[in-house]
Amino acid sequence: MKKKRVMIRPEAESDIEDAYNWYESQRKGLGEDFLLCIEEALSRASRNPAIYSVVYKEVRRVLIRRFPFGVFFIDGETKISVLAVLHARRNPKTWKSRT
């Protein structure tokens, strides 16, 4: 299967930046580890998006390894659109409002 292009919406970019900053403040280099895990999750999702469960309407979620976060995305014909990157304990309304 051909790898799809990944489009990260500005709100999701902000989610990633906030989490990166928090992890870096906890321990130098942990934010970088978080970013690597995000990249790995996005790569998995772009290769085979249909294997991830639909969590709301057309929104799917891929879990991030090592960190309690999920990447919420919509599987399009040629790309996946990332709506949110949120901690597992965040209120689902946060990303549902972005659909």
N, C-alpha and C. Protein backbone atom coordinates (compact mmCIF):
# COMPACT_ATOMS: atom_id res chain seq x y z
N MET A 1 0.84 -1.19 0.00
CA MET A 1 0.00 0.00 0.00
C MET A 1 0.88 1.25 0.00
N LYS A 2 0.53 2.21 -0.81
CA LYS A 2 1.28 3.45 -0.92
C LYS A 2 1.08 4.30 0.33
N LYS A 3 2.15 4.88 0.79
CA LYS A 3 2.11 5.75 1.96
C LYS A 3 1.40 7.06 1.60
N LYS A 4 0.46 7.47 2.45
CA LYS A 4 -0.27 8.71 2.20
C LYS A 4 0.48 9.90 2.79
N ARG A 5 0.24 11.05 2.22
CA ARG A 5 0.81 12.29 2.71
C ARG A 5 0.15 12.62 4.05
N VAL A 6 0.90 13.23 4.97
CA VAL A 6 0.38 13.61 6.28
C VAL A 6 0.23 15.13 6.31
N MET A 7 -0.97 15.61 6.62
CA MET A 7 -1.23 17.03 6.76
C MET A 7 -1.62 17.27 8.22
N ILE A 8 -0.83 18.07 8.93
CA ILE A 8 -1.09 18.35 10.34
C ILE A 8 -1.73 19.72 10.45
N ARG A 9 -2.93 19.76 10.96
CA ARG A 9 -3.64 21.03 11.13
C ARG A 9 -2.96 21.88 12.20
N PRO A 10 -3.13 23.21 12.12
CA PRO A 10 -2.48 24.10 13.10
C PRO A 10 -2.80 23.76 14.56
N GLU A 11 -4.04 23.35 14.84
CA GLU A 11 -4.40 23.01 16.22
C GLU A 11 -3.60 21.80 16.70
N ALA A 12 -3.38 20.84 15.82
CA ALA A 12 -2.60 19.66 16.18
C ALA A 12 -1.12 20.03 16.35
N GLU A 13 -0.62 20.93 15.51
CA GLU A 13 0.76 21.42 15.67
C GLU A 13 0.92 22.04 17.06
N SER A 14 -0.08 22.80 17.47
CA SER A 14 -0.06 23.43 18.80
C SER A 14 -0.08 22.38 19.90
N ASP A 15 -0.88 21.33 19.72
CA ASP A 15 -0.91 20.22 20.69
C ASP A 15 0.48 19.61 20.85
N ILE A 16 1.13 19.37 19.72
CA ILE A 16 2.46 18.75 19.73
C ILE A 16 3.46 19.66 20.41
N GLU A 17 3.42 20.93 20.08
CA GLU A 17 4.35 21.90 20.68
C GLU A 17 4.16 21.99 22.20
N ASP A 18 2.91 22.04 22.64
CA ASP A 18 2.63 22.11 24.09
C ASP A 18 3.18 20.88 24.81
N ALA A 19 2.93 19.71 24.25
CA ALA A 19 3.40 18.47 24.89
C ALA A 19 4.92 18.40 24.86
N TYR A 20 5.51 18.79 23.74
CA TYR A 20 6.98 18.81 23.63
C TYR A 20 7.57 19.69 24.73
N ASN A 21 7.05 20.90 24.87
CA ASN A 21 7.56 21.83 25.88
C ASN A 21 7.42 21.27 27.29
N TRP A 22 6.28 20.63 27.57
CA TRP A 22 6.06 20.06 28.90
C TRP A 22 7.07 18.95 29.17
N TYR A 23 7.23 18.04 28.21
CA TYR A 23 8.18 16.94 28.40
C TYR A 23 9.62 17.44 28.52
N GLU A 24 9.99 18.44 27.74
CA GLU A 24 11.34 19.00 27.85
C GLU A 24 11.56 19.64 29.21
N SER A 25 10.50 20.25 29.78
CA SER A 25 10.63 20.87 31.10
C SER A 25 10.78 19.81 32.20
N GLN A 26 10.30 18.61 31.93
CA GLN A 26 10.42 17.52 32.90
C GLN A 26 11.82 16.91 32.88
N ARG A 27 12.35 16.73 31.67
CA ARG A 27 13.70 16.17 31.53
C ARG A 27 14.23 16.51 30.14
N LYS A 28 15.40 17.08 30.10
CA LYS A 28 16.03 17.45 28.83
C LYS A 28 16.11 16.22 27.93
N GLY A 29 15.63 16.36 26.70
CA GLY A 29 15.66 15.27 25.74
C GLY A 29 14.37 14.47 25.67
N LEU A 30 13.53 14.57 26.70
CA LEU A 30 12.28 13.81 26.70
C LEU A 30 11.32 14.34 25.64
N GLY A 31 11.34 15.65 25.41
CA GLY A 31 10.52 16.23 24.36
C GLY A 31 10.92 15.70 22.99
N GLU A 32 12.23 15.55 22.78
CA GLU A 32 12.73 14.99 21.52
C GLU A 32 12.26 13.55 21.35
N ASP A 33 12.29 12.79 22.44
CA ASP A 33 11.78 11.41 22.39
C ASP A 33 10.31 11.40 22.00
N PHE A 34 9.55 12.33 22.57
CA PHE A 34 8.12 12.46 22.27
C PHE A 34 7.93 12.71 20.77
N LEU A 35 8.71 13.65 20.20
CA LEU A 35 8.59 13.95 18.78
C LEU A 35 8.91 12.74 17.90
N LEU A 36 9.92 11.98 18.28
CA LEU A 36 10.25 10.77 17.52
C LEU A 36 9.10 9.77 17.56
N CYS A 37 8.45 9.64 18.70
CA CYS A 37 7.31 8.72 18.82
C CYS A 37 6.12 9.22 18.01
N ILE A 38 5.94 10.53 17.95
CA ILE A 38 4.87 11.11 17.11
C ILE A 38 5.16 10.78 15.64
N GLU A 39 6.39 11.01 15.21
CA GLU A 39 6.76 10.71 13.82
C GLU A 39 6.52 9.25 13.48
N GLU A 40 6.86 8.37 14.40
CA GLU A 40 6.68 6.93 14.17
C GLU A 40 5.19 6.59 14.06
N ALA A 41 4.36 7.19 14.92
CA ALA A 41 2.92 6.94 14.87
C ALA A 41 2.32 7.46 13.57
N LEU A 42 2.76 8.64 13.14
CA LEU A 42 2.26 9.21 11.89
C LEU A 42 2.68 8.36 10.69
N SER A 43 3.88 7.83 10.76
CA SER A 43 4.35 6.95 9.68
C SER A 43 3.50 5.68 9.60
N ARG A 44 3.21 5.10 10.77
CA ARG A 44 2.36 3.90 10.79
C ARG A 44 0.98 4.22 10.22
N ALA A 45 0.40 5.35 10.66
CA ALA A 45 -0.94 5.72 10.21
C ALA A 45 -0.98 6.01 8.72
N SER A 46 0.07 6.64 8.19
CA SER A 46 0.07 6.99 6.77
C SER A 46 0.25 5.76 5.87
N ARG A 47 0.88 4.72 6.40
CA ARG A 47 1.07 3.49 5.61
C ARG A 47 -0.20 2.65 5.53
N ASN A 48 -0.96 2.61 6.61
CA ASN A 48 -2.14 1.75 6.64
C ASN A 48 -3.21 2.34 7.57
N PRO A 49 -3.81 3.47 7.20
CA PRO A 49 -4.74 4.16 8.10
C PRO A 49 -5.99 3.36 8.45
N ALA A 50 -6.42 2.49 7.57
CA ALA A 50 -7.67 1.77 7.79
C ALA A 50 -7.61 0.78 8.95
N ILE A 51 -6.42 0.43 9.41
CA ILE A 51 -6.34 -0.54 10.52
C ILE A 51 -6.66 0.10 11.87
N TYR A 52 -6.70 1.43 11.91
CA TYR A 52 -6.96 2.11 13.18
C TYR A 52 -8.45 2.34 13.36
N SER A 53 -8.90 2.15 14.57
CA SER A 53 -10.33 2.21 14.88
C SER A 53 -10.92 3.59 14.66
N VAL A 54 -12.14 3.60 14.16
CA VAL A 54 -12.91 4.84 14.08
C VAL A 54 -13.41 5.13 15.49
N VAL A 55 -13.12 6.34 15.98
CA VAL A 55 -13.53 6.69 17.34
C VAL A 55 -14.70 7.68 17.37
N TYR A 56 -14.93 8.36 16.24
CA TYR A 56 -16.03 9.33 16.18
C TYR A 56 -16.21 9.72 14.72
N LYS A 57 -17.43 9.53 14.21
CA LYS A 57 -17.71 9.81 12.80
C LYS A 57 -16.61 9.19 11.94
N GLU A 58 -15.85 10.01 11.18
CA GLU A 58 -14.79 9.46 10.33
C GLU A 58 -13.40 9.59 10.96
N VAL A 59 -13.34 9.97 12.22
CA VAL A 59 -12.06 10.19 12.91
C VAL A 59 -11.50 8.87 13.45
N ARG A 60 -10.23 8.64 13.16
CA ARG A 60 -9.52 7.45 13.65
C ARG A 60 -8.45 7.89 14.64
N ARG A 61 -7.97 6.91 15.43
CA ARG A 61 -6.94 7.23 16.42
C ARG A 61 -5.82 6.20 16.37
N VAL A 62 -4.60 6.70 16.36
CA VAL A 62 -3.42 5.85 16.51
C VAL A 62 -2.77 6.26 17.83
N LEU A 63 -2.43 5.27 18.64
CA LEU A 63 -1.79 5.54 19.93
C LEU A 63 -0.29 5.70 19.74
N ILE A 64 0.28 6.55 20.57
CA ILE A 64 1.71 6.83 20.52
C ILE A 64 2.41 5.91 21.51
N ARG A 65 3.45 5.25 21.06
CA ARG A 65 4.21 4.36 21.95
C ARG A 65 4.98 5.19 22.97
N ARG A 66 5.08 4.64 24.20
CA ARG A 66 5.83 5.23 25.31
C ARG A 66 5.17 6.44 25.96
N PHE A 67 4.21 7.07 25.32
CA PHE A 67 3.57 8.26 25.87
C PHE A 67 2.06 8.07 25.83
N PRO A 68 1.35 8.59 26.84
CA PRO A 68 -0.11 8.39 26.90
C PRO A 68 -0.87 9.37 26.02
N PHE A 69 -0.56 9.36 24.73
CA PHE A 69 -1.18 10.28 23.78
C PHE A 69 -1.77 9.51 22.61
N GLY A 70 -2.75 10.14 21.98
CA GLY A 70 -3.32 9.60 20.76
C GLY A 70 -3.27 10.65 19.66
N VAL A 71 -3.10 10.20 18.43
CA VAL A 71 -3.16 11.06 17.26
C VAL A 71 -4.52 10.80 16.61
N PHE A 72 -5.32 11.83 16.50
CA PHE A 72 -6.66 11.73 15.92
C PHE A 72 -6.59 12.27 14.50
N PHE A 73 -7.03 11.44 13.53
CA PHE A 73 -6.88 11.82 12.14
C PHE A 73 -8.06 11.35 11.30
N ILE A 74 -8.19 11.99 10.14
CA ILE A 74 -9.18 11.60 9.14
C ILE A 74 -8.43 11.02 7.95
N ASP A 75 -8.86 9.86 7.51
CA ASP A 75 -8.24 9.16 6.38
C ASP A 75 -8.87 9.65 5.09
N GLY A 76 -8.13 10.46 4.34
CA GLY A 76 -8.61 10.95 3.05
C GLY A 76 -8.12 10.06 1.92
N GLU A 77 -8.49 10.41 0.71
CA GLU A 77 -8.13 9.60 -0.45
C GLU A 77 -6.62 9.55 -0.69
N THR A 78 -5.96 10.71 -0.56
CA THR A 78 -4.53 10.77 -0.82
C THR A 78 -3.70 11.20 0.38
N LYS A 79 -4.36 11.59 1.46
CA LYS A 79 -3.63 12.07 2.64
C LYS A 79 -4.39 11.74 3.91
N ILE A 80 -3.69 11.82 5.03
CA ILE A 80 -4.36 11.77 6.31
C ILE A 80 -4.25 13.17 6.92
N SER A 81 -5.35 13.64 7.50
CA SER A 81 -5.39 14.96 8.12
C SER A 81 -5.41 14.79 9.62
N VAL A 82 -4.38 15.29 10.29
CA VAL A 82 -4.27 15.17 11.74
C VAL A 82 -5.04 16.32 12.39
N LEU A 83 -6.06 15.95 13.18
CA LEU A 83 -6.90 16.94 13.85
C LEU A 83 -6.35 17.33 15.20
N ALA A 84 -5.80 16.34 15.92
CA ALA A 84 -5.38 16.59 17.30
C ALA A 84 -4.35 15.55 17.72
N VAL A 85 -3.51 15.95 18.67
CA VAL A 85 -2.57 15.05 19.33
C VAL A 85 -2.74 15.33 20.82
N LEU A 86 -3.48 14.44 21.49
CA LEU A 86 -3.90 14.74 22.86
C LEU A 86 -3.58 13.63 23.85
N HIS A 87 -3.39 14.05 25.09
CA HIS A 87 -3.20 13.11 26.20
C HIS A 87 -4.45 12.26 26.33
N ALA A 88 -4.27 11.01 26.69
CA ALA A 88 -5.38 10.06 26.78
C ALA A 88 -6.45 10.49 27.78
N ARG A 89 -6.09 11.30 28.76
CA ARG A 89 -7.06 11.72 29.76
C ARG A 89 -7.78 13.03 29.43
N ARG A 90 -7.44 13.63 28.31
CA ARG A 90 -8.12 14.87 27.91
C ARG A 90 -9.55 14.57 27.52
N ASN A 91 -10.39 15.55 27.71
CA ASN A 91 -11.80 15.43 27.37
C ASN A 91 -11.96 15.24 25.85
N PRO A 92 -12.71 14.22 25.43
CA PRO A 92 -12.90 13.99 23.98
C PRO A 92 -13.52 15.18 23.26
N LYS A 93 -14.23 16.04 23.97
CA LYS A 93 -14.82 17.21 23.33
C LYS A 93 -13.74 18.09 22.70
N THR A 94 -12.53 18.03 23.25
CA THR A 94 -11.43 18.84 22.73
C THR A 94 -11.19 18.55 21.26
N TRP A 95 -11.08 17.28 20.88
CA TRP A 95 -10.83 16.98 19.48
C TRP A 95 -12.12 16.86 18.67
N LYS A 96 -13.22 16.51 19.31
CA LYS A 96 -14.48 16.40 18.56
C LYS A 96 -14.90 17.74 17.99
N SER A 97 -14.57 18.82 18.69
CA SER A 97 -14.93 20.15 18.19
C SER A 97 -14.13 20.53 16.95
N ARG A 98 -13.09 19.78 16.63
CA ARG A 98 -12.24 20.08 15.47
C ARG A 98 -12.68 19.35 14.21
N THR A 99 -13.72 18.53 14.29
CA THR A 99 -14.15 17.77 13.11
C THR A 99 -15.06 18.59 12.23
